Protein backbone atom coordinates (compact mmCIF):
# COMPACT_ATOMS: atom_id res chain seq x y z
CA LEU A 1 0.32 -0.38 -0.19
CA HIS A 2 2.87 2.67 -0.53
CA ASN A 3 2.65 1.88 -4.36
CA ALA A 4 0.58 4.50 -6.21
CA ASP A 5 1.01 1.85 -9.06
CA GLN A 6 -0.23 -1.18 -7.49
CA ILE A 7 -3.78 0.59 -5.67
CA GLU A 8 -3.98 1.83 -9.32
CA LYS A 9 -3.96 -1.67 -10.86
CA LEU A 10 -6.09 -3.22 -8.17
CA ASP A 11 -8.27 -0.35 -7.93
CA ILE A 12 -8.24 -0.47 -4.27
CA ARG A 13 -10.53 2.82 -2.46
CA ILE A 14 -10.60 3.99 0.72
CA GLY A 15 -12.78 1.53 3.03
CA ASP A 16 -12.75 -0.90 1.07
CA THR A 17 -12.42 -4.60 2.42
CA VAL A 18 -9.81 -6.67 0.76
CA PHE A 19 -8.02 -9.96 0.21
CA VAL A 20 -4.52 -10.73 1.61
CA GLU A 21 -2.41 -13.85 1.17
CA LYS A 22 1.28 -14.21 2.45
CA GLY A 23 3.47 -13.15 -0.53
CA GLY A 24 6.39 -15.96 -0.83
CA GLU A 25 4.49 -17.18 2.14
CA ILE A 26 5.93 -14.50 4.50
CA ILE A 27 4.92 -10.97 3.73
CA PRO A 28 1.35 -10.20 3.61
CA LYS A 29 0.27 -8.79 0.38
CA ILE A 30 -3.03 -7.50 -0.98
CA THR A 31 -4.38 -9.67 -3.99
CA SER A 32 -7.92 -8.01 -4.76
CA VAL A 33 -10.61 -6.34 -3.44
CA ASP A 34 -14.09 -7.97 -2.54
CA LEU A 35 -16.13 -5.80 -4.65
CA SER A 36 -19.47 -7.12 -3.26
CA LYS A 37 -18.82 -5.30 0.34
CA ARG A 38 -17.53 -1.90 -1.24
CA ASN A 39 -19.82 0.99 -1.01
CA THR A 40 -21.45 2.84 -3.63
CA ASP A 41 -20.12 6.04 -2.62
CA SER A 42 -16.41 4.54 -2.43
CA ILE A 43 -13.53 7.44 -2.98
CA LYS A 44 -10.50 6.77 -4.64
CA VAL A 45 -7.26 7.64 -3.16
CA LYS A 46 -5.69 10.58 -4.11
CA TYR A 47 -2.11 11.90 -3.44
CA ILE A 48 -0.63 15.13 -2.19
CA THR A 49 1.24 16.81 -4.96
CA HIS A 50 3.38 19.03 -3.06
CA CYS A 51 5.50 18.60 0.00
CA PRO A 52 3.29 19.60 3.04
CA GLU A 53 6.66 20.92 4.99
CA CYS A 54 8.31 23.07 2.06
CA ASP A 55 5.35 23.30 -0.67
CA LYS A 56 7.58 21.96 -3.30
CA GLU A 57 6.04 19.85 -6.35
CA LEU A 58 7.03 16.33 -5.65
CA ILE A 59 8.65 14.37 -8.12
CA ARG A 60 8.72 10.66 -8.69
CA VAL A 61 11.96 8.36 -10.03
CA ASP A 62 10.72 6.19 -13.07
CA GLY A 63 10.84 2.33 -12.21
CA GLU A 64 10.48 3.89 -8.39
CA ALA A 65 7.35 3.34 -5.89
CA ASN A 66 8.08 6.64 -3.72
CA HIS A 67 7.45 10.15 -4.55
CA TYR A 68 9.75 12.87 -3.21
CA CYS A 69 10.30 16.27 -2.30
CA PRO A 70 13.22 17.46 -4.51
CA ASN A 71 14.18 20.31 -2.36
CA GLU A 72 16.74 18.54 -0.41
CA ASN A 73 18.91 21.85 0.54
CA GLY A 74 15.65 23.54 1.85
CA CYS A 75 13.30 21.28 3.20
CA PRO A 76 13.56 21.26 7.05
CA PRO A 77 12.50 17.70 7.87
CA GLN A 78 15.15 17.07 5.12
CA ILE A 79 17.75 18.91 6.35
CA VAL A 80 17.34 17.54 9.76
CA GLY A 81 17.41 13.98 8.46
CA LYS A 82 20.31 14.53 6.77
CA LEU A 83 22.10 16.13 9.88
CA SER A 84 21.06 13.07 12.29
CA HIS A 85 22.30 10.59 9.54
CA PHE A 86 26.11 12.18 9.49
CA THR A 87 26.30 12.38 13.51
CA SER A 88 24.57 9.05 13.82
CA ARG A 89 26.76 5.81 15.44
CA LYS A 90 27.79 4.17 12.15
CA ALA A 91 28.38 7.56 10.36
CA MET A 92 30.72 10.34 12.15
CA ASN A 93 29.40 8.74 15.92
CA ILE A 94 29.13 12.35 17.33
CA GLU A 95 28.56 11.62 21.11
CA GLY A 96 25.63 14.03 22.48
CA LEU A 97 24.40 14.73 18.60
CA GLY A 98 21.32 13.05 18.56
CA ALA A 99 18.22 13.62 16.59
CA GLU A 100 16.79 16.05 19.23
CA THR A 101 19.65 17.74 19.70
CA VAL A 102 20.21 17.87 15.79
CA ASP A 103 16.70 18.91 15.64
CA LEU A 104 17.29 21.92 17.99
CA LEU A 105 20.42 23.50 16.77
CA PHE A 106 18.37 23.58 13.34
CA ARG A 107 15.23 25.00 14.44
CA GLN A 108 17.83 27.72 16.56
CA GLY A 109 19.53 28.54 13.42
CA LEU A 110 22.82 27.15 14.24
CA VAL A 111 23.16 24.18 12.04
CA HIS A 112 21.88 24.35 8.17
CA ASN A 113 24.42 21.92 6.94
CA ILE A 114 26.95 18.97 7.55
CA ALA A 115 29.61 21.65 7.72
CA ASP A 116 28.08 23.84 10.37
CA ILE A 117 28.49 21.41 12.63
CA TYR A 118 32.00 22.14 12.95
CA ASP A 119 31.75 25.61 13.28
CA LEU A 120 29.79 25.35 16.70
CA LYS A 121 31.02 27.07 19.47
CA LYS A 122 30.52 25.82 23.30
CA GLU A 123 28.83 28.97 24.28
CA GLN A 124 26.24 28.48 21.50
CA ILE A 125 25.28 24.79 22.51
CA VAL A 126 25.34 26.06 26.17
CA SER A 127 22.87 28.55 25.47
CA LEU A 128 20.04 25.87 24.22
CA GLU A 129 17.28 24.57 26.63
CA ARG A 130 18.12 21.84 28.96
CA MET A 131 21.87 21.56 28.33
CA GLY A 132 24.31 22.35 30.79
CA ASP A 133 28.13 22.94 30.35
CA LYS A 134 29.15 19.21 30.74
CA SER A 135 26.72 18.34 28.00
CA ALA A 136 28.38 20.85 25.91
CA ASN A 137 31.81 20.16 26.52
CA ASN A 138 30.88 16.55 25.17
CA ILE A 139 29.16 17.95 22.22
CA ILE A 140 32.42 19.58 21.58
CA GLU A 141 34.70 16.77 22.43
CA GLY A 142 32.38 14.54 20.50
CA ILE A 143 33.02 16.72 17.39
CA ASN A 144 36.66 16.85 17.63
CA LYS A 145 36.85 13.45 18.06
CA SER A 146 34.98 13.05 14.45
CA LYS A 147 37.79 14.39 12.75
CA GLU A 148 39.91 11.11 13.21
CA ILE A 149 36.97 9.22 11.60
CA PRO A 150 38.28 7.16 8.41
CA PHE A 151 37.45 8.63 4.77
CA GLU A 152 35.03 5.67 3.90
CA ARG A 153 32.80 6.65 7.25
CA VAL A 154 33.08 10.64 6.43
CA LEU A 155 31.81 9.53 2.51
CA TYR A 156 29.13 6.77 4.09
CA ALA A 157 28.13 9.96 6.65
CA MET A 158 27.96 12.40 4.03
CA GLY A 159 24.77 11.14 2.52
CA VAL A 160 25.08 10.58 -0.95
CA ARG A 161 21.86 8.55 -2.38
CA TYR A 162 22.69 4.86 -3.02
CA VAL A 163 26.08 4.92 -1.21
CA GLY A 164 25.77 3.14 2.36
CA ASP A 165 28.57 2.00 4.20
CA THR A 166 29.68 -0.96 1.78
CA VAL A 167 29.45 1.30 -1.11
CA ALA A 168 31.55 3.70 0.71
CA LYS A 169 34.25 1.72 1.51
CA LYS A 170 34.39 0.40 -2.30
CA LEU A 171 34.75 3.78 -3.53
CA ALA A 172 36.81 4.88 -0.98
CA LYS A 173 39.17 2.01 -1.55
CA HIS A 174 39.35 2.73 -5.12
CA PHE A 175 39.18 6.56 -5.37
CA LYS A 176 41.60 6.75 -2.28
CA ASN A 177 40.83 10.57 -1.60
CA ILE A 178 37.76 12.65 -2.42
CA ASP A 179 39.03 14.83 -5.32
CA ALA A 180 39.63 11.71 -7.36
CA LEU A 181 35.90 10.89 -6.45
CA MET A 182 34.56 14.22 -6.95
CA ASN A 183 36.46 14.66 -10.51
CA ALA A 184 35.81 11.24 -11.55
CA ASN A 185 33.35 11.09 -14.55
CA ALA A 186 30.95 8.06 -15.46
CA GLU A 187 33.28 5.52 -16.80
CA GLN A 188 35.95 5.89 -14.26
CA LEU A 189 33.00 5.51 -11.68
CA ILE A 190 31.63 2.15 -13.51
CA GLU A 191 35.24 0.94 -13.10
CA ALA A 192 35.26 0.60 -9.18
CA PRO A 193 34.34 -2.63 -7.93
CA GLU A 194 30.52 -3.23 -7.59
CA ILE A 195 29.53 -0.01 -8.78
CA GLY A 196 26.65 0.32 -11.38
CA GLU A 197 25.44 2.87 -13.39
CA LYS A 198 22.60 3.95 -10.73
CA ILE A 199 25.17 4.62 -8.06
CA ALA A 200 27.74 6.30 -10.70
CA HIS A 201 24.65 8.63 -11.86
CA SER A 202 23.79 9.28 -8.25
CA VAL A 203 27.67 9.88 -7.08
CA LEU A 204 27.66 12.30 -9.99
CA ASN A 205 24.58 14.25 -9.40
CA HIS A 206 25.66 15.04 -5.69
CA PHE A 207 28.96 16.49 -6.25
CA ALA A 208 27.53 18.52 -9.37
CA ASP A 209 25.73 20.46 -6.92
CA ALA A 210 27.85 23.74 -6.22
CA GLU A 211 26.08 23.82 -2.65
CA LYS A 212 27.70 20.21 -2.00
CA ARG A 213 30.84 20.83 -3.44
CA ASN A 214 31.00 24.04 -1.17
CA VAL A 215 30.32 21.69 2.05
CA VAL A 216 32.91 19.40 1.29
CA GLU A 217 35.76 22.29 0.78
CA ARG A 218 34.31 23.53 4.64
CA LEU A 219 34.92 19.66 5.80
CA LYS A 220 38.35 19.82 4.63
CA GLN A 221 38.91 23.14 6.22
CA SER A 222 37.87 21.44 9.17
CA GLU A 223 40.69 18.54 8.98
CA LEU A 224 38.27 15.84 8.41
CA GLN A 225 39.75 12.86 6.66
CA PHE A 226 39.41 12.97 3.22
C-alpha cells in the first residue's frame, strides 16, 4: 500500500474490504478487492502533489514507487534527517548529537548543513534549553574526535543517495581521496568494484551540486579525513 501503481492496478479505494495472502509465504500482500462489500459512494485514493513541509512539487523517479520532495537543501525535515544521519553511530558517531539535539540546533538556526557542525562553539550549545556545561563540553569533544573518523565513514556520513556503508568502503578504497572521487566521470566510477550505473549517476549528481562541493571544501578546512 505504499505503491500508487499497485493501488491503481487493483483499484483499491478508501474503506474497501480486501483479500490478503502471504507473498512468498511470509510477507502479507493485498491481492484483490471484495467488490461485493464496496460502498456505492466509495472514494478513490488521492495523493498530495506538493511537499507538506516546504510546498515544493513532488517528483517520482521512473521505476520507483515513492514520490520525493526535490528540495533537499531547503526542506526542514530533510535537512534535519541528513544532519542526524551524519552524526549517527555508524557514521561520524558524534556523542551528544542525537536526533533531538540536532533538531534543536537546526530550529535555533545554528546548523543548516553538515559543515556547520564544525563551526559550533561551546557557548552556542550551552545556551540551548536543557543543555548544561558538561553536555556542551561532551558535544564539542565528540565533534573534535570525529575528525579522526576514516574517509570511508565520512563518505557514508555525507548521505550520497545509494551510497551505504558498503558502497562507501568500495569507493574510498578505489579512489583513495575525495578529490579523485568528486572529479571522476561516469566511466571511471563504473570501473570501481560493484559500482553500477545507478550509483555512478547518483554520485555524479551529488557532486555536481555547487552547494555540496562547498560543504566538502568547508569540511576539508575543518580537517576531516578525506
